[in-house]
Every structure is written in C-alpha cells, then in structure tokens.
C-alpha atoms as a PDB file:
ATOM      1  CA  MET A   1      19.861 -10.262 122.487  1.00  0.00           C
ATOM      2  CA  ILE A   2      22.366  -7.826 124.019  1.00  0.00           C
ATOM      3  CA  ARG A   3      25.630  -9.174 122.349  1.00  0.00           C
ATOM      4  CA  ASP A   4      25.551 -12.657 123.422  1.00  0.00           C
ATOM      5  CA  THR A   5      23.216 -12.641 126.317  1.00  0.00           C
ATOM      6  CA  LEU A   6      19.521 -13.217 126.305  1.00  0.00           C
ATOM      7  CA  PHE A   7      17.813  -9.714 127.970  1.00  0.00           C
ATOM      8  CA  TYR A   8      14.538 -11.224 128.644  1.00  0.00           C
ATOM      9  CA  LYS A   9      15.740 -14.102 131.368  1.00  0.00           C
ATOM     10  CA  TYR A  10      16.794 -10.697 133.306  1.00  0.00           C
ATOM     11  CA  SER A  11      13.239  -9.538 133.109  1.00  0.00           C
ATOM     12  CA  GLU A  12      10.961 -12.825 132.377  1.00  0.00           C
ATOM     13  CA  GLN A  13       9.747 -12.423 136.196  1.00  0.00           C
ATOM     14  CA  GLU A  14       7.833  -9.044 135.205  1.00  0.00           C
ATOM     15  CA  PHE A  15       5.792 -10.856 132.874  1.00  0.00           C
ATOM     16  CA  VAL A  16       2.777 -12.748 132.600  1.00  0.00           C
ATOM     17  CA  CYS A  17       3.646 -14.064 129.259  1.00  0.00           C
ATOM     18  CA  ALA A  18       5.722 -13.641 126.207  1.00  0.00           C
ATOM     19  CA  ARG A  19       4.469 -13.862 122.419  1.00  0.00           C
ATOM     20  CA  GLY A  20       7.077 -15.902 120.386  1.00  0.00           C
ATOM     21  CA  VAL A  21       6.985 -16.385 116.719  1.00  0.00           C
ATOM     22  CA  GLU A  22       6.566 -19.946 116.095  1.00  0.00           C
ATOM     23  CA  THR A  23       3.379 -21.461 115.023  1.00  0.00           C
ATOM     24  CA  GLY A  24       1.091 -24.035 116.506  1.00  0.00           C
ATOM     25  CA  TYR A  25      -1.661 -24.960 118.451  1.00  0.00           C
ATOM     26  CA  LEU A  26      -0.679 -26.504 122.090  1.00  0.00           C
ATOM     27  CA  PRO A  27      -2.518 -28.088 124.865  1.00  0.00           C
ATOM     28  CA  MET A  28      -2.414 -26.070 127.884  1.00  0.00           C
ATOM     29  CA  ASP A  29       0.063 -28.134 129.674  1.00  0.00           C
ATOM     30  CA  LYS A  30       2.473 -27.849 126.805  1.00  0.00           C
ATOM     31  CA  VAL A  31       2.396 -23.881 126.765  1.00  0.00           C
ATOM     32  CA  ASP A  32       5.677 -22.163 127.448  1.00  0.00           C
ATOM     33  CA  LEU A  33       4.602 -18.709 128.987  1.00  0.00           C
ATOM     34  CA  SER A  34       7.916 -17.142 128.108  1.00  0.00           C
ATOM     35  CA  ASN A  35       7.702 -18.134 124.484  1.00  0.00           C
ATOM     36  CA  VAL A  36       3.777 -18.408 123.414  1.00  0.00           C
ATOM     37  CA  ASN A  37       3.205 -19.651 120.119  1.00  0.00           C
ATOM     38  CA  ALA A  38       1.554 -16.996 117.688  1.00  0.00           C
ATOM     39  CA  PHE A  39       0.508 -16.738 113.992  1.00  0.00           C
ATOM     40  CA  ALA A  40       1.787 -13.581 111.866  1.00  0.00           C
ATOM     41  CA  ALA A  41      -1.266 -12.143 110.185  1.00  0.00           C
ATOM     42  CA  ILE A  42       0.400  -9.959 107.833  1.00  0.00           C
ATOM     43  CA  GLY A  43      -1.866  -9.331 105.079  1.00  0.00           C
ATOM     44  CA  SER A  44      -3.939 -12.456 106.129  1.00  0.00           C
ATOM     45  CA  THR A  45      -7.569 -13.035 104.885  1.00  0.00           C
ATOM     46  CA  ALA A  46     -10.597 -13.416 107.166  1.00  0.00           C
ATOM     47  CA  GLU A  47     -10.953 -16.899 105.763  1.00  0.00           C
ATOM     48  CA  GLN A  48      -7.182 -17.679 106.706  1.00  0.00           C
ATOM     49  CA  MET A  49      -7.768 -16.182 110.218  1.00  0.00           C
ATOM     50  CA  ILE A  50     -10.664 -17.834 110.744  1.00  0.00           C
ATOM     51  CA  GLU A  51      -9.538 -21.314 109.606  1.00  0.00           C
ATOM     52  CA  GLN A  52      -6.766 -20.877 112.320  1.00  0.00           C
ATOM     53  CA  VAL A  53      -9.410 -20.124 115.173  1.00  0.00           C
ATOM     54  CA  LYS A  54     -11.258 -23.229 113.786  1.00  0.00           C
ATOM     55  CA  ASN A  55      -8.092 -25.385 114.040  1.00  0.00           C
ATOM     56  CA  ALA A  56      -7.079 -24.178 117.283  1.00  0.00           C
ATOM     57  CA  GLU A  57     -10.724 -25.212 118.296  1.00  0.00           C
ATOM     58  CA  LYS A  58     -10.427 -28.640 116.899  1.00  0.00           C
ATOM     59  CA  ALA A  59      -7.033 -28.938 119.108  1.00  0.00           C
ATOM     60  CA  GLY A  60      -8.518 -27.559 121.910  1.00  0.00           C
ATOM     61  CA  SER A  61      -6.186 -24.827 121.964  1.00  0.00           C
ATOM     62  CA  PHE A  62      -5.807 -21.107 121.228  1.00  0.00           C
ATOM     63  CA  VAL A  63      -4.845 -18.851 118.595  1.00  0.00           C
ATOM     64  CA  VAL A  64      -2.519 -15.769 119.170  1.00  0.00           C
ATOM     65  CA  PHE A  65      -2.375 -13.318 115.932  1.00  0.00           C
ATOM     66  CA  ILE A  66       0.304 -10.905 115.462  1.00  0.00           C
ATOM     67  CA  PHE A  67      -0.422  -7.635 113.587  1.00  0.00           C
ATOM     68  CA  HIS A  68       0.563  -4.314 114.407  1.00  0.00           C
ATOM     69  CA  GLY A  69      -1.795  -2.385 112.355  1.00  0.00           C
ATOM     70  CA  VAL A  70      -5.160  -2.683 110.849  1.00  0.00           C
ATOM     71  CA  GLY A  71      -6.069  -0.928 107.682  1.00  0.00           C
ATOM     72  CA  GLY A  72      -2.692   0.065 106.925  1.00  0.00           C
ATOM     73  CA  GLU A  73       0.415   2.289 107.961  1.00  0.00           C
ATOM     74  CA  HIS A  74       2.332  -0.504 109.098  1.00  0.00           C
ATOM     75  CA  SER A  75       3.952  -3.466 107.747  1.00  0.00           C
ATOM     76  CA  LEU A  76       2.665  -5.835 110.161  1.00  0.00           C
ATOM     77  CA  ASN A  77      -0.709  -5.202 108.834  1.00  0.00           C
ATOM     78  CA  VAL A  78      -4.285  -6.814 108.366  1.00  0.00           C
ATOM     79  CA  ASP A  79      -6.589  -5.099 106.072  1.00  0.00           C
ATOM     80  CA  LEU A  80      -9.391  -3.438 107.687  1.00  0.00           C
ATOM     81  CA  GLU A  81     -12.508  -5.358 105.883  1.00  0.00           C
ATOM     82  CA  GLU A  82     -10.600  -8.589 106.785  1.00  0.00           C
ATOM     83  CA  HIS A  83     -10.133  -7.746 110.153  1.00  0.00           C
ATOM     84  CA  ARG A  84     -13.930  -6.971 110.453  1.00  0.00           C
ATOM     85  CA  LYS A  85     -14.963 -10.104 108.870  1.00  0.00           C
ATOM     86  CA  LEU A  86     -12.906 -11.904 111.563  1.00  0.00           C
ATOM     87  CA  LEU A  87     -14.402 -10.089 114.528  1.00  0.00           C
ATOM     88  CA  GLU A  88     -18.037 -10.754 112.882  1.00  0.00           C
ATOM     89  CA  TYR A  89     -17.093 -14.256 112.911  1.00  0.00           C
ATOM     90  CA  LEU A  90     -15.752 -14.259 116.346  1.00  0.00           C
ATOM     91  CA  LYS A  91     -18.993 -12.202 117.634  1.00  0.00           C
ATOM     92  CA  LYS A  92     -21.428 -15.036 115.892  1.00  0.00           C
ATOM     93  CA  ASN A  93     -19.486 -17.573 117.852  1.00  0.00           C
ATOM     94  CA  GLU A  94     -19.094 -15.945 121.183  1.00  0.00           C
ATOM     95  CA  GLY A  95     -20.718 -18.785 122.941  1.00  0.00           C
ATOM     96  CA  ASN A  96     -18.122 -21.266 121.634  1.00  0.00           C
ATOM     97  CA  ILE A  97     -15.052 -18.970 121.478  1.00  0.00           C
ATOM     98  CA  TRP A  98     -13.394 -16.886 124.291  1.00  0.00           C
ATOM     99  CA  VAL A  99     -11.836 -13.907 122.923  1.00  0.00           C
ATOM    100  CA  ALA A 100      -9.601 -12.398 125.507  1.00  0.00           C
ATOM    101  CA  THR A 101      -6.298 -10.369 126.027  1.00  0.00           C
ATOM    102  CA  MET A 102      -3.158 -12.518 125.865  1.00  0.00           C
ATOM    103  CA  VAL A 103      -2.642 -11.790 129.671  1.00  0.00           C
ATOM    104  CA  ASP A 104      -6.098 -12.997 130.811  1.00  0.00           C
ATOM    105  CA  VAL A 105      -5.152 -16.274 128.673  1.00  0.00           C
ATOM    106  CA  ALA A 106      -1.892 -16.845 130.338  1.00  0.00           C
ATOM    107  CA  LYS A 107      -3.349 -16.143 133.806  1.00  0.00           C
ATOM    108  CA  TYR A 108      -5.890 -18.655 133.074  1.00  0.00           C
ATOM    109  CA  ILE A 109      -3.399 -21.118 131.896  1.00  0.00           C
ATOM    110  CA  SER A 110      -1.286 -20.369 135.006  1.00  0.00           C
ATOM    111  CA  GLU A 111      -4.334 -20.904 137.273  1.00  0.00           C
ATOM    112  CA  VAL A 112      -5.579 -24.246 135.606  1.00  0.00           C
ATOM    113  CA  SER A 113      -1.684 -25.582 135.769  1.00  0.00           C
ATOM    114  CA  GLU A 114      -1.598 -24.829 139.335  1.00  0.00           C
ATOM    115  CA  GLN A 115      -4.731 -27.237 140.239  1.00  0.00           C
END
C-alpha cells in the first residue's frame, strides 16, 4: 500500500502472478493469480513440507513455499538439511510431482483456464 492505495493494481499487468500469504490448496479454476496461496516455511522440517506436498497432491493442487534463505542468514529461513531432505523426496517422486517455477505454474494455469 502507498497510503490508502493498493500499488499492485497499477502494475498488475506486468506480472504473470503474485504470491500471497494465505495458505490452502485450490483447484486451478479457483486460483487467483494475483494472490496465489503460499505456505511460510520458516523453520519448517522436511517432514512438514513433505506433508504439504502430499496434501497438495491429494487436493489435485500445488504448493508454494515461502522462504528467503536456506541454511541461515535470513529470518525467513529453512535449515539446509531439512531443505535437502525435501529436495530428495521431490527427486524420488519426480514421476508424480512437477517441480517448477511459480511463473511456469501460473502460465500453465492460464493456458488450461483458457481452454
């Protein structure tokens, strides 16, 4: 916000999507690409993050993790070992789980929605 004005509305067309701060697993046709649900992974364990991935699978949805650091030096941080365990799980299940950038997922959602 800039005073009482939501700045994002003036630049919204410049972005494919924007990460929000609410959690949840939405079907593609319910996703608001200007406010994509995400999960803060601040200090999360691999077990917690893997459970969120599994919940997204069950819901036929996806998960966006929020962290700005891996292994320290930032308050939005995930432990290096826990991050490694998550990546190992994703690699082990790459035949069933699509790991992509948020932009690629948003483009996919947009394409499917247009069909």
